[in-house]
């Protein structure tokens, strides 16, 4: 992010217990425990999941007790996920 970028105004910043949470960077490697929940600086709630299938940016999913996504509309992806990637989805 550039010092002159306005991204910091619109991007929620993780607050609370989880270190190095990045809402915009799904990964093929697991970096947090599945089902970890954190809050954004804008009052949003985010859950760490594994994508059961590809998820489009702004696509909605539900989350199984295992932390794996499934069809549904309880959470939204900020960015696209490939199948089996790990990352954060926002509660809607």
C-alpha atoms as a PDB file:
ATOM      1  CA  UNK A   1       0.000   0.000   0.000  1.00  0.00           C
ATOM      2  CA  UNK A   2       1.341   3.376  -0.993  1.00  0.00           C
ATOM      3  CA  UNK A   3       1.651   6.137   1.558  1.00  0.00           C
ATOM      4  CA  UNK A   4      -0.662   8.079  -0.711  1.00  0.00           C
ATOM      5  CA  UNK A   5      -3.216   5.305  -1.146  1.00  0.00           C
ATOM      6  CA  UNK A   6      -6.731   5.651   0.189  1.00  0.00           C
ATOM      7  CA  UNK A   7      -7.000   1.857   0.725  1.00  0.00           C
ATOM      8  CA  UNK A   8      -6.599   2.224   4.469  1.00  0.00           C
ATOM      9  CA  UNK A   9      -9.869   4.141   4.569  1.00  0.00           C
ATOM     10  CA  UNK A  10     -11.939   1.339   3.029  1.00  0.00           C
ATOM     11  CA  UNK A  11     -10.086  -1.800   4.170  1.00  0.00           C
ATOM     12  CA  UNK A  12     -10.893  -3.169   7.622  1.00  0.00           C
ATOM     13  CA  UNK A  13      -7.852  -3.709   9.810  1.00  0.00           C
ATOM     14  CA  UNK A  14      -7.767  -6.844  12.016  1.00  0.00           C
ATOM     15  CA  UNK A  15      -8.057  -6.025  15.714  1.00  0.00           C
ATOM     16  CA  UNK A  16      -7.668  -8.337  18.673  1.00  0.00           C
ATOM     17  CA  UNK A  17      -6.020 -11.700  19.219  1.00  0.00           C
ATOM     18  CA  UNK A  18      -4.952 -12.924  15.739  1.00  0.00           C
ATOM     19  CA  UNK A  19      -1.566 -11.786  14.461  1.00  0.00           C
ATOM     20  CA  UNK A  20      -0.807 -11.286  10.740  1.00  0.00           C
ATOM     21  CA  UNK A  21      -4.365 -11.692   9.505  1.00  0.00           C
ATOM     22  CA  UNK A  22      -4.660 -10.509   5.903  1.00  0.00           C
ATOM     23  CA  UNK A  23      -8.213 -10.284   4.557  1.00  0.00           C
ATOM     24  CA  UNK A  24      -6.986  -9.896   0.963  1.00  0.00           C
ATOM     25  CA  UNK A  25      -4.569 -12.795   0.551  1.00  0.00           C
ATOM     26  CA  UNK A  26      -5.921 -16.371   0.390  1.00  0.00           C
ATOM     27  CA  UNK A  27      -3.160 -18.980   0.516  1.00  0.00           C
ATOM     28  CA  UNK A  28      -2.584 -22.616  -0.355  1.00  0.00           C
ATOM     29  CA  UNK A  29      -0.913 -22.904   3.076  1.00  0.00           C
ATOM     30  CA  UNK A  30      -2.831 -22.789   6.348  1.00  0.00           C
ATOM     31  CA  UNK A  31      -1.642 -19.887   8.534  1.00  0.00           C
ATOM     32  CA  UNK A  32      -4.314 -19.883  11.271  1.00  0.00           C
ATOM     33  CA  UNK A  33      -6.654 -22.344  12.938  1.00  0.00           C
ATOM     34  CA  UNK A  34      -9.810 -23.046  10.955  1.00  0.00           C
ATOM     35  CA  UNK A  35     -12.799 -21.189  12.405  1.00  0.00           C
ATOM     36  CA  UNK A  36     -10.626 -18.512  14.081  1.00  0.00           C
ATOM     37  CA  UNK A  37     -12.780 -15.398  14.425  1.00  0.00           C
ATOM     38  CA  UNK A  38     -11.483 -11.840  14.458  1.00  0.00           C
ATOM     39  CA  UNK A  39     -13.062  -8.418  14.213  1.00  0.00           C
ATOM     40  CA  UNK A  40     -12.190  -5.686  11.765  1.00  0.00           C
ATOM     41  CA  UNK A  41     -11.613  -2.098  12.793  1.00  0.00           C
ATOM     42  CA  UNK A  42     -14.895  -1.262  11.028  1.00  0.00           C
ATOM     43  CA  UNK A  43     -16.963  -3.595  13.257  1.00  0.00           C
ATOM     44  CA  UNK A  44     -16.999  -6.520  10.815  1.00  0.00           C
ATOM     45  CA  UNK A  45     -16.507 -10.139  11.900  1.00  0.00           C
ATOM     46  CA  UNK A  46     -14.184 -12.461   9.934  1.00  0.00           C
ATOM     47  CA  UNK A  47     -13.704 -16.246  10.065  1.00  0.00           C
ATOM     48  CA  UNK A  48     -10.696 -18.226   8.810  1.00  0.00           C
ATOM     49  CA  UNK A  49     -11.778 -21.018   6.461  1.00  0.00           C
ATOM     50  CA  UNK A  50     -10.727 -23.479   3.782  1.00  0.00           C
ATOM     51  CA  UNK A  51     -12.568 -23.144   0.460  1.00  0.00           C
ATOM     52  CA  UNK A  52     -14.350 -26.365  -0.582  1.00  0.00           C
ATOM     53  CA  UNK A  53     -14.584 -24.943  -4.127  1.00  0.00           C
ATOM     54  CA  UNK A  54     -13.544 -21.766  -5.903  1.00  0.00           C
ATOM     55  CA  UNK A  55     -15.213 -18.651  -4.483  1.00  0.00           C
ATOM     56  CA  UNK A  56     -15.650 -15.474  -6.521  1.00  0.00           C
ATOM     57  CA  UNK A  57     -14.799 -12.111  -4.992  1.00  0.00           C
ATOM     58  CA  UNK A  58     -17.929 -10.982  -3.114  1.00  0.00           C
ATOM     59  CA  UNK A  59     -19.273 -14.549  -3.421  1.00  0.00           C
ATOM     60  CA  UNK A  60     -21.208 -15.923  -0.471  1.00  0.00           C
ATOM     61  CA  UNK A  61     -20.673 -19.176   1.422  1.00  0.00           C
ATOM     62  CA  UNK A  62     -21.674 -20.915   4.627  1.00  0.00           C
ATOM     63  CA  UNK A  63     -19.168 -22.547   6.957  1.00  0.00           C
ATOM     64  CA  UNK A  64     -19.310 -26.111   8.259  1.00  0.00           C
ATOM     65  CA  UNK A  65     -18.269 -26.886  11.846  1.00  0.00           C
ATOM     66  CA  UNK A  66     -14.959 -28.139  10.395  1.00  0.00           C
ATOM     67  CA  UNK A  67     -14.146 -24.663   9.044  1.00  0.00           C
ATOM     68  CA  UNK A  68     -14.607 -25.704   5.426  1.00  0.00           C
ATOM     69  CA  UNK A  69     -16.915 -23.579   3.273  1.00  0.00           C
ATOM     70  CA  UNK A  70     -20.105 -24.961   1.793  1.00  0.00           C
ATOM     71  CA  UNK A  71     -23.029 -23.609  -0.201  1.00  0.00           C
ATOM     72  CA  UNK A  72     -24.842 -20.847   1.624  1.00  0.00           C
ATOM     73  CA  UNK A  73     -24.924 -17.138   2.289  1.00  0.00           C
ATOM     74  CA  UNK A  74     -23.802 -16.454   5.861  1.00  0.00           C
ATOM     75  CA  UNK A  75     -20.342 -15.147   4.881  1.00  0.00           C
ATOM     76  CA  UNK A  76     -18.836 -13.215   1.978  1.00  0.00           C
ATOM     77  CA  UNK A  77     -15.370 -13.420   0.407  1.00  0.00           C
ATOM     78  CA  UNK A  78     -13.638 -10.055  -0.029  1.00  0.00           C
ATOM     79  CA  UNK A  79     -11.369 -11.548  -2.720  1.00  0.00           C
ATOM     80  CA  UNK A  80     -11.520 -14.657  -4.910  1.00  0.00           C
ATOM     81  CA  UNK A  81     -10.390 -18.025  -3.489  1.00  0.00           C
ATOM     82  CA  UNK A  82      -9.246 -21.043  -5.482  1.00  0.00           C
ATOM     83  CA  UNK A  83     -10.451 -24.485  -4.401  1.00  0.00           C
ATOM     84  CA  UNK A  84      -8.650 -25.614  -1.209  1.00  0.00           C
ATOM     85  CA  UNK A  85      -7.211 -22.152  -0.421  1.00  0.00           C
ATOM     86  CA  UNK A  86      -7.314 -20.786   3.120  1.00  0.00           C
ATOM     87  CA  UNK A  87      -8.368 -17.276   4.025  1.00  0.00           C
ATOM     88  CA  UNK A  88     -10.798 -14.937   5.754  1.00  0.00           C
ATOM     89  CA  UNK A  89     -14.496 -14.475   4.941  1.00  0.00           C
ATOM     90  CA  UNK A  90     -16.745 -11.785   6.393  1.00  0.00           C
ATOM     91  CA  UNK A  91     -20.001 -12.476   8.231  1.00  0.00           C
ATOM     92  CA  UNK A  92     -22.916 -10.879   6.379  1.00  0.00           C
END
